[in-house]
Amino acid sequence: DLSEGKSFYMKEVDTIKEMISRSQEGTANLFLFDE
């Protein structure tokens, strides 16, 4: 994201960090990753 100044890796970091947060809510989750 050029507008936010974030590299591809940082977008991955932000997205997966959010998934980790969601996994702690005690609900059933389906997490989909591609490489």
ModelCIF file with pLDDT and N, C-alpha, C, O atoms, coordinates in Angstrom:
data_MODEL
#
_entry.id   MODEL 
#
_entity.id                         1 
_entity.type                       polymer 
_entity.pdbx_number_of_molecules   1 
#
_entity_poly.entity_id                      1 
_entity_poly.type                           'polypeptide(L)' 
_entity_poly.nstd_linkage                   no 
_entity_poly.nstd_monomer                   no 
_entity_poly.pdbx_seq_one_letter_code       DLSEGKSFYMKEVDTIKEMISRSQEGTANLFLFDE 
_entity_poly.pdbx_seq_one_letter_code_can   DLSEGKSFYMKEVDTIKEMISRSQEGTANLFLFDE 
_entity_poly.pdbx_strand_id                 A 
#
loop_
_entity_poly_seq.entity_id 
_entity_poly_seq.num 
_entity_poly_seq.mon_id 
_entity_poly_seq.hetero 
1 1  ASP n 
1 2  LEU n 
1 3  SER n 
1 4  GLU n 
1 5  GLY n 
1 6  LYS n 
1 7  SER n 
1 8  PHE n 
1 9  TYR n 
1 10 MET n 
1 11 LYS n 
1 12 GLU n 
1 13 VAL n 
1 14 ASP n 
1 15 THR n 
1 16 ILE n 
1 17 LYS n 
1 18 GLU n 
1 19 MET n 
1 20 ILE n 
1 21 SER n 
1 22 ARG n 
1 23 SER n 
1 24 GLN n 
1 25 GLU n 
1 26 GLY n 
1 27 THR n 
1 28 ALA n 
1 29 ASN n 
1 30 LEU n 
1 31 PHE n 
1 32 LEU n 
1 33 PHE n 
1 34 ASP n 
1 35 GLU n 
#
_struct_asym.id          A 
_struct_asym.entity_id   1 
#
loop_
_ma_qa_metric.id 
_ma_qa_metric.mode 
_ma_qa_metric.name 
_ma_qa_metric.software_group_id 
_ma_qa_metric.type 
1 global pLDDT . pLDDT 
2 local  pLDDT . pLDDT 
#
_ma_qa_metric_global.metric_id      1 
_ma_qa_metric_global.metric_value   88.09 
_ma_qa_metric_global.model_id       1 
_ma_qa_metric_global.ordinal_id     1 
#
loop_
_ma_qa_metric_local.label_asym_id 
_ma_qa_metric_local.label_comp_id 
_ma_qa_metric_local.label_seq_id 
_ma_qa_metric_local.metric_id 
_ma_qa_metric_local.metric_value 
_ma_qa_metric_local.model_id 
_ma_qa_metric_local.ordinal_id 
A ASP 1  2 77.00 1 1  
A LEU 2  2 80.00 1 2  
A SER 3  2 78.00 1 3  
A GLU 4  2 77.00 1 4  
A GLY 5  2 79.00 1 5  
A LYS 6  2 81.00 1 6  
A SER 7  2 85.00 1 7  
A PHE 8  2 83.00 1 8  
A TYR 9  2 85.00 1 9  
A MET 10 2 89.00 1 10 
A LYS 11 2 87.00 1 11 
A GLU 12 2 87.00 1 12 
A VAL 13 2 90.00 1 13 
A ASP 14 2 90.00 1 14 
A THR 15 2 90.00 1 15 
A ILE 16 2 91.00 1 16 
A LYS 17 2 93.00 1 17 
A GLU 18 2 92.00 1 18 
A MET 19 2 92.00 1 19 
A ILE 20 2 93.00 1 20 
A SER 21 2 92.00 1 21 
A ARG 22 2 90.00 1 22 
A SER 23 2 90.00 1 23 
A GLN 24 2 88.00 1 24 
A GLU 25 2 88.00 1 25 
A GLY 26 2 85.00 1 26 
A THR 27 2 89.00 1 27 
A ALA 28 2 92.00 1 28 
A ASN 29 2 94.00 1 29 
A LEU 30 2 95.00 1 30 
A PHE 31 2 95.00 1 31 
A LEU 32 2 95.00 1 32 
A PHE 33 2 93.00 1 33 
A ASP 34 2 90.00 1 34 
A GLU 35 2 88.00 1 35 
#
loop_
_atom_site.group_PDB 
_atom_site.id 
_atom_site.type_symbol 
_atom_site.label_atom_id 
_atom_site.label_alt_id 
_atom_site.label_comp_id 
_atom_site.label_asym_id 
_atom_site.label_entity_id 
_atom_site.label_seq_id 
_atom_site.pdbx_PDB_ins_code 
_atom_site.Cartn_x 
_atom_site.Cartn_y 
_atom_site.Cartn_z 
_atom_site.occupancy 
_atom_site.B_iso_or_equiv 
_atom_site.pdbx_formal_charge 
_atom_site.auth_seq_id 
_atom_site.auth_comp_id 
_atom_site.auth_asym_id 
_atom_site.auth_atom_id 
_atom_site.pdbx_PDB_model_num 
ATOM 1   N N  . ASP A 1 1  ? 0.848   -1.184  0.000  1.00 77.00 ? 1  ASP A N  1 
ATOM 2   C CA . ASP A 1 1  ? 0.000   0.000   0.000  1.00 77.00 ? 1  ASP A CA 1 
ATOM 3   C C  . ASP A 1 1  ? 0.890   1.242   0.000  1.00 77.00 ? 1  ASP A C  1 
ATOM 4   O O  . ASP A 1 1  ? 1.458   1.608   1.029  1.00 77.00 ? 1  ASP A O  1 
ATOM 5   N N  . LEU A 1 2  ? 1.006   1.888   -1.164 1.00 80.00 ? 2  LEU A N  1 
ATOM 6   C CA . LEU A 1 2  ? 1.845   3.072   -1.280 1.00 80.00 ? 2  LEU A CA 1 
ATOM 7   C C  . LEU A 1 2  ? 1.285   4.238   -0.465 1.00 80.00 ? 2  LEU A C  1 
ATOM 8   O O  . LEU A 1 2  ? 2.041   5.027   0.102  1.00 80.00 ? 2  LEU A O  1 
ATOM 9   N N  . SER A 1 3  ? -0.048  4.342   -0.409 1.00 78.00 ? 3  SER A N  1 
ATOM 10  C CA . SER A 1 3  ? -0.646  5.469   0.307  1.00 78.00 ? 3  SER A CA 1 
ATOM 11  C C  . SER A 1 3  ? -0.356  5.401   1.799  1.00 78.00 ? 3  SER A C  1 
ATOM 12  O O  . SER A 1 3  ? -0.220  6.435   2.454  1.00 78.00 ? 3  SER A O  1 
ATOM 13  N N  . GLU A 1 4  ? -0.261  4.180   2.343  1.00 77.00 ? 4  GLU A N  1 
ATOM 14  C CA . GLU A 1 4  ? 0.042   4.022   3.763  1.00 77.00 ? 4  GLU A CA 1 
ATOM 15  C C  . GLU A 1 4  ? 1.526   3.801   4.011  1.00 77.00 ? 4  GLU A C  1 
ATOM 16  O O  . GLU A 1 4  ? 1.962   3.745   5.161  1.00 77.00 ? 4  GLU A O  1 
ATOM 17  N N  . GLY A 1 5  ? 2.304   3.676   2.943  1.00 79.00 ? 5  GLY A N  1 
ATOM 18  C CA . GLY A 1 5  ? 3.733   3.438   3.096  1.00 79.00 ? 5  GLY A CA 1 
ATOM 19  C C  . GLY A 1 5  ? 4.047   2.077   3.678  1.00 79.00 ? 5  GLY A C  1 
ATOM 20  O O  . GLY A 1 5  ? 5.006   1.933   4.437  1.00 79.00 ? 5  GLY A O  1 
ATOM 21  N N  . LYS A 1 6  ? 3.250   1.070   3.331  1.00 81.00 ? 6  LYS A N  1 
ATOM 22  C CA . LYS A 1 6  ? 3.440   -0.269  3.878  1.00 81.00 ? 6  LYS A CA 1 
ATOM 23  C C  . LYS A 1 6  ? 3.848   -1.234  2.776  1.00 81.00 ? 6  LYS A C  1 
ATOM 24  O O  . LYS A 1 6  ? 3.249   -1.263  1.701  1.00 81.00 ? 6  LYS A O  1 
ATOM 25  N N  . SER A 1 7  ? 4.869   -2.015  3.059  1.00 85.00 ? 7  SER A N  1 
ATOM 26  C CA . SER A 1 7  ? 5.314   -3.038  2.121  1.00 85.00 ? 7  SER A CA 1 
ATOM 27  C C  . SER A 1 7  ? 4.358   -4.228  2.157  1.00 85.00 ? 7  SER A C  1 
ATOM 28  O O  . SER A 1 7  ? 3.468   -4.311  3.004  1.00 85.00 ? 7  SER A O  1 
ATOM 29  N N  . PHE A 1 8  ? 4.570   -5.148  1.212  1.00 83.00 ? 8  PHE A N  1 
ATOM 30  C CA . PHE A 1 8  ? 3.747   -6.360  1.191  1.00 83.00 ? 8  PHE A CA 1 
ATOM 31  C C  . PHE A 1 8  ? 3.874   -7.121  2.509  1.00 83.00 ? 8  PHE A C  1 
ATOM 32  O O  . PHE A 1 8  ? 2.880   -7.607  3.049  1.00 83.00 ? 8  PHE A O  1 
ATOM 33  N N  . TYR A 1 9  ? 5.094   -7.221  3.022  1.00 85.00 ? 9  TYR A N  1 
ATOM 34  C CA . TYR A 1 9  ? 5.307   -7.967  4.265  1.00 85.00 ? 9  TYR A CA 1 
ATOM 35  C C  . TYR A 1 9  ? 4.564   -7.317  5.431  1.00 85.00 ? 9  TYR A C  1 
ATOM 36  O O  . TYR A 1 9  ? 3.993   -8.017  6.267  1.00 85.00 ? 9  TYR A O  1 
ATOM 37  N N  . MET A 1 10 ? 4.568   -5.977  5.494  1.00 89.00 ? 10 MET A N  1 
ATOM 38  C CA . MET A 1 10 ? 3.866   -5.308  6.585  1.00 89.00 ? 10 MET A CA 1 
ATOM 39  C C  . MET A 1 10 ? 2.355   -5.487  6.470  1.00 89.00 ? 10 MET A C  1 
ATOM 40  O O  . MET A 1 10 ? 1.667   -5.566  7.488  1.00 89.00 ? 10 MET A O  1 
ATOM 41  N N  . LYS A 1 11 ? 1.830   -5.551  5.251  1.00 87.00 ? 11 LYS A N  1 
ATOM 42  C CA . LYS A 1 11 ? 0.407   -5.845  5.093  1.00 87.00 ? 11 LYS A CA 1 
ATOM 43  C C  . LYS A 1 11 ? 0.088   -7.241  5.611  1.00 87.00 ? 11 LYS A C  1 
ATOM 44  O O  . LYS A 1 11 ? -0.949  -7.463  6.235  1.00 87.00 ? 11 LYS A O  1 
ATOM 45  N N  . GLU A 1 12 ? 1.006   -8.190  5.340  1.00 87.00 ? 12 GLU A N  1 
ATOM 46  C CA . GLU A 1 12 ? 0.834   -9.527  5.898  1.00 87.00 ? 12 GLU A CA 1 
ATOM 47  C C  . GLU A 1 12 ? 0.854   -9.491  7.420  1.00 87.00 ? 12 GLU A C  1 
ATOM 48  O O  . GLU A 1 12 ? 0.018   -10.111 8.078  1.00 87.00 ? 12 GLU A O  1 
ATOM 49  N N  . VAL A 1 13 ? 1.811   -8.764  7.968  1.00 90.00 ? 13 VAL A N  1 
ATOM 50  C CA . VAL A 1 13 ? 1.942   -8.683  9.427  1.00 90.00 ? 13 VAL A CA 1 
ATOM 51  C C  . VAL A 1 13 ? 0.660   -8.131  10.048 1.00 90.00 ? 13 VAL A C  1 
ATOM 52  O O  . VAL A 1 13 ? 0.153   -8.690  11.021 1.00 90.00 ? 13 VAL A O  1 
ATOM 53  N N  . ASP A 1 14 ? 0.134   -7.036  9.493  1.00 90.00 ? 14 ASP A N  1 
ATOM 54  C CA . ASP A 1 14 ? -1.081  -6.428  10.038 1.00 90.00 ? 14 ASP A CA 1 
ATOM 55  C C  . ASP A 1 14 ? -2.272  -7.376  9.943  1.00 90.00 ? 14 ASP A C  1 
ATOM 56  O O  . ASP A 1 14 ? -3.047  -7.509  10.890 1.00 90.00 ? 14 ASP A O  1 
ATOM 57  N N  . THR A 1 15 ? -2.412  -8.035  8.786  1.00 90.00 ? 15 THR A N  1 
ATOM 58  C CA . THR A 1 15 ? -3.544  -8.932  8.575  1.00 90.00 ? 15 THR A CA 1 
ATOM 59  C C  . THR A 1 15 ? -3.488  -10.125 9.519  1.00 90.00 ? 15 THR A C  1 
ATOM 60  O O  . THR A 1 15 ? -4.493  -10.481 10.134 1.00 90.00 ? 15 THR A O  1 
ATOM 61  N N  . ILE A 1 16 ? -2.327  -10.736 9.635  1.00 91.00 ? 16 ILE A N  1 
ATOM 62  C CA . ILE A 1 16 ? -2.201  -11.932 10.467 1.00 91.00 ? 16 ILE A CA 1 
ATOM 63  C C  . ILE A 1 16 ? -2.268  -11.573 11.953 1.00 91.00 ? 16 ILE A C  1 
ATOM 64  O O  . ILE A 1 16 ? -2.750  -12.369 12.758 1.00 91.00 ? 16 ILE A O  1 
ATOM 65  N N  . LYS A 1 17 ? -1.795  -10.393 12.319 1.00 93.00 ? 17 LYS A N  1 
ATOM 66  C CA . LYS A 1 17 ? -1.949  -9.945  13.706 1.00 93.00 ? 17 LYS A CA 1 
ATOM 67  C C  . LYS A 1 17 ? -3.426  -9.829  14.069 1.00 93.00 ? 17 LYS A C  1 
ATOM 68  O O  . LYS A 1 17 ? -3.836  -10.209 15.165 1.00 93.00 ? 17 LYS A O  1 
ATOM 69  N N  . GLU A 1 18 ? -4.220  -9.301  13.140 1.00 92.00 ? 18 GLU A N  1 
ATOM 70  C CA . GLU A 1 18 ? -5.662  -9.210  13.374 1.00 92.00 ? 18 GLU A CA 1 
ATOM 71  C C  . GLU A 1 18 ? -6.277  -10.596 13.531 1.00 92.00 ? 18 GLU A C  1 
ATOM 72  O O  . GLU A 1 18 ? -7.158  -10.789 14.369 1.00 92.00 ? 18 GLU A O  1 
ATOM 73  N N  . MET A 1 19 ? -5.823  -11.563 12.736 1.00 92.00 ? 19 MET A N  1 
ATOM 74  C CA . MET A 1 19 ? -6.324  -12.929 12.864 1.00 92.00 ? 19 MET A CA 1 
ATOM 75  C C  . MET A 1 19 ? -6.003  -13.504 14.245 1.00 92.00 ? 19 MET A C  1 
ATOM 76  O O  . MET A 1 19 ? -6.844  -14.155 14.864 1.00 92.00 ? 19 MET A O  1 
ATOM 77  N N  . ILE A 1 20 ? -4.792  -13.261 14.716 1.00 93.00 ? 20 ILE A N  1 
ATOM 78  C CA . ILE A 1 20 ? -4.408  -13.757 16.042 1.00 93.00 ? 20 ILE A CA 1 
ATOM 79  C C  . ILE A 1 20 ? -5.304  -13.146 17.117 1.00 93.00 ? 20 ILE A C  1 
ATOM 80  O O  . ILE A 1 20 ? -5.697  -13.830 18.062 1.00 93.00 ? 20 ILE A O  1 
ATOM 81  N N  . SER A 1 21 ? -5.624  -11.872 16.974 1.00 92.00 ? 21 SER A N  1 
ATOM 82  C CA . SER A 1 21 ? -6.518  -11.226 17.931 1.00 92.00 ? 21 SER A CA 1 
ATOM 83  C C  . SER A 1 21 ? -7.902  -11.864 17.889 1.00 92.00 ? 21 SER A C  1 
ATOM 84  O O  . SER A 1 21 ? -8.509  -12.114 18.930 1.00 92.00 ? 21 SER A O  1 
ATOM 85  N N  . ARG A 1 22 ? -8.401  -12.128 16.673 1.00 90.00 ? 22 ARG A N  1 
ATOM 86  C CA . ARG A 1 22 ? -9.725  -12.744 16.533 1.00 90.00 ? 22 ARG A CA 1 
ATOM 87  C C  . ARG A 1 22 ? -9.755  -14.154 17.103 1.00 90.00 ? 22 ARG A C  1 
ATOM 88  O O  . ARG A 1 22 ? -10.784 -14.600 17.610 1.00 90.00 ? 22 ARG A O  1 
ATOM 89  N N  . SER A 1 23 ? -8.643  -14.848 17.023 1.00 90.00 ? 23 SER A N  1 
ATOM 90  C CA . SER A 1 23 ? -8.608  -16.229 17.514 1.00 90.00 ? 23 SER A CA 1 
ATOM 91  C C  . SER A 1 23 ? -8.758  -16.315 19.021 1.00 90.00 ? 23 SER A C  1 
ATOM 92  O O  . SER A 1 23 ? -9.031  -17.392 19.552 1.00 90.00 ? 23 SER A O  1 
ATOM 93  N N  . GLN A 1 24 ? -8.586  -15.206 19.716 1.00 88.00 ? 24 GLN A N  1 
ATOM 94  C CA . GLN A 1 24 ? -8.666  -15.193 21.174 1.00 88.00 ? 24 GLN A CA 1 
ATOM 95  C C  . GLN A 1 24 ? -10.051 -14.815 21.682 1.00 88.00 ? 24 GLN A C  1 
ATOM 96  O O  . GLN A 1 24 ? -10.243 -14.645 22.886 1.00 88.00 ? 24 GLN A O  1 
ATOM 97  N N  . GLU A 1 25 ? -11.021 -14.680 20.777 1.00 88.00 ? 25 GLU A N  1 
ATOM 98  C CA . GLU A 1 25 ? -12.362 -14.275 21.181 1.00 88.00 ? 25 GLU A CA 1 
ATOM 99  C C  . GLU A 1 25 ? -13.230 -15.445 21.605 1.00 88.00 ? 25 GLU A C  1 
ATOM 100 O O  . GLU A 1 25 ? -14.355 -15.242 22.062 1.00 88.00 ? 25 GLU A O  1 
ATOM 101 N N  . GLY A 1 26 ? -12.730 -16.667 21.464 1.00 85.00 ? 26 GLY A N  1 
ATOM 102 C CA . GLY A 1 26 ? -13.488 -17.837 21.905 1.00 85.00 ? 26 GLY A CA 1 
ATOM 103 C C  . GLY A 1 26 ? -14.530 -18.325 20.930 1.00 85.00 ? 26 GLY A C  1 
ATOM 104 O O  . GLY A 1 26 ? -15.390 -19.122 21.306 1.00 85.00 ? 26 GLY A O  1 
ATOM 105 N N  . THR A 1 27 ? -14.483 -17.870 19.673 1.00 89.00 ? 27 THR A N  1 
ATOM 106 C CA . THR A 1 27 ? -15.414 -18.328 18.650 1.00 89.00 ? 27 THR A CA 1 
ATOM 107 C C  . THR A 1 27 ? -14.685 -19.248 17.672 1.00 89.00 ? 27 THR A C  1 
ATOM 108 O O  . THR A 1 27 ? -13.456 -19.255 17.602 1.00 89.00 ? 27 THR A O  1 
ATOM 109 N N  . ALA A 1 28 ? -15.468 -20.022 16.918 1.00 92.00 ? 28 ALA A N  1 
ATOM 110 C CA . ALA A 1 28 ? -14.883 -20.872 15.884 1.00 92.00 ? 28 ALA A CA 1 
ATOM 111 C C  . ALA A 1 28 ? -14.520 -20.019 14.679 1.00 92.00 ? 28 ALA A C  1 
ATOM 112 O O  . ALA A 1 28 ? -15.307 -19.175 14.248 1.00 92.00 ? 28 ALA A O  1 
ATOM 113 N N  . ASN A 1 29 ? -13.330 -20.239 14.139 1.00 94.00 ? 29 ASN A N  1 
ATOM 114 C CA . ASN A 1 29 ? -12.837 -19.414 13.040 1.00 94.00 ? 29 ASN A CA 1 
ATOM 115 C C  . ASN A 1 29 ? -12.255 -20.282 11.931 1.00 94.00 ? 29 ASN A C  1 
ATOM 116 O O  . ASN A 1 29 ? -11.695 -21.351 12.174 1.00 94.00 ? 29 ASN A O  1 
ATOM 117 N N  . LEU A 1 30 ? -12.406 -19.788 10.709 1.00 95.00 ? 30 LEU A N  1 
ATOM 118 C CA . LEU A 1 30 ? -11.737 -20.383 9.554  1.00 95.00 ? 30 LEU A CA 1 
ATOM 119 C C  . LEU A 1 30 ? -10.713 -19.368 9.060  1.00 95.00 ? 30 LEU A C  1 
ATOM 120 O O  . LEU A 1 30 ? -11.073 -18.269 8.638  1.00 95.00 ? 30 LEU A O  1 
ATOM 121 N N  . PHE A 1 31 ? -9.431  -19.742 9.114  1.00 95.00 ? 31 PHE A N  1 
ATOM 122 C CA . PHE A 1 31 ? -8.349  -18.870 8.670  1.00 95.00 ? 31 PHE A CA 1 
ATOM 123 C C  . PHE A 1 31 ? -7.789  -19.402 7.357  1.00 95.00 ? 31 PHE A C  1 
ATOM 124 O O  . PHE A 1 31 ? -7.403  -20.567 7.260  1.00 95.00 ? 31 PHE A O  1 
ATOM 125 N N  . LEU A 1 32 ? -7.749  -18.539 6.353  1.00 95.00 ? 32 LEU A N  1 
ATOM 126 C CA . LEU A 1 32 ? -7.278  -18.913 5.020  1.00 95.00 ? 32 LEU A CA 1 
ATOM 127 C C  . LEU A 1 32 ? -5.998  -18.150 4.697  1.00 95.00 ? 32 LEU A C  1 
ATOM 128 O O  . LEU A 1 32 ? -5.970  -16.920 4.745  1.00 95.00 ? 32 LEU A O  1 
ATOM 129 N N  . PHE A 1 33 ? -4.935  -18.894 4.366  1.00 93.00 ? 33 PHE A N  1 
ATOM 130 C CA . PHE A 1 33 ? -3.649  -18.298 4.014  1.00 93.00 ? 33 PHE A CA 1 
ATOM 131 C C  . PHE A 1 33 ? -3.198  -18.832 2.660  1.00 93.00 ? 33 PHE A C  1 
ATOM 132 O O  . PHE A 1 33 ? -3.450  -19.986 2.315  1.00 93.00 ? 33 PHE A O  1 
ATOM 133 N N  . ASP A 1 34 ? -2.532  -17.978 1.909  1.00 90.00 ? 34 ASP A N  1 
ATOM 134 C CA . ASP A 1 34 ? -1.932  -18.403 0.641  1.00 90.00 ? 34 ASP A CA 1 
ATOM 135 C C  . ASP A 1 34 ? -0.447  -18.072 0.692  1.00 90.00 ? 34 ASP A C  1 
ATOM 136 O O  . ASP A 1 34 ? -0.057  -16.910 0.579  1.00 90.00 ? 34 ASP A O  1 
ATOM 137 N N  . GLU A 1 35 ? 0.384   -19.109 0.863  1.00 88.00 ? 35 GLU A N  1 
ATOM 138 C CA . GLU A 1 35 ? 1.839   -18.935 0.963  1.00 88.00 ? 35 GLU A CA 1 
ATOM 139 C C  . GLU A 1 35 ? 2.163   -17.903 2.049  1.00 88.00 ? 35 GLU A C  1 
ATOM 140 O O  . GLU A 1 35 ? 3.334   -17.611 2.292  1.00 88.00 ? 35 GLU A O  1 
#
